[in-house]
Amino acid sequence: MGHEVDLDITWRAGSLNFYLTKLARLGGYLARTSDPPPGNTVVWRGLSRLTDIRLGTETAATLMLLHHAVILFGRKRSNRPIDQVDGLLQYRLSSSKVG
């Protein structure tokens, strides 16, 4: 009687239900109070969208690295982007050595 326990775990961060709802929202689930729990299809769509977001951020990071390699080393050394990235990585490794 002295202690009240919150039994609503719907929005408690860290719970499986919390993250499942967030994933379903990426798939189009509206999460209104009157809506039923998210189904397999909407969770699958959310997972697919999350995968696309991750792939997009990794691609953007790679393109930024290539862009900086071109700025740092210019295009005279090689026209192949992989050589420019390798040159940038070698430069970073050599400049980070102490002494």
Foldseek 3Di string as FASTA:
>chain_A
DPDDDDPDPCCPPPDPNNVLVVLLVLLPDPPDPPDDRDDPNSSVSSVVVVVVVVVVVVVVVVVVLLVVLCVVPNPVVDVDSVVSSVVVVVVVVVVPDDD
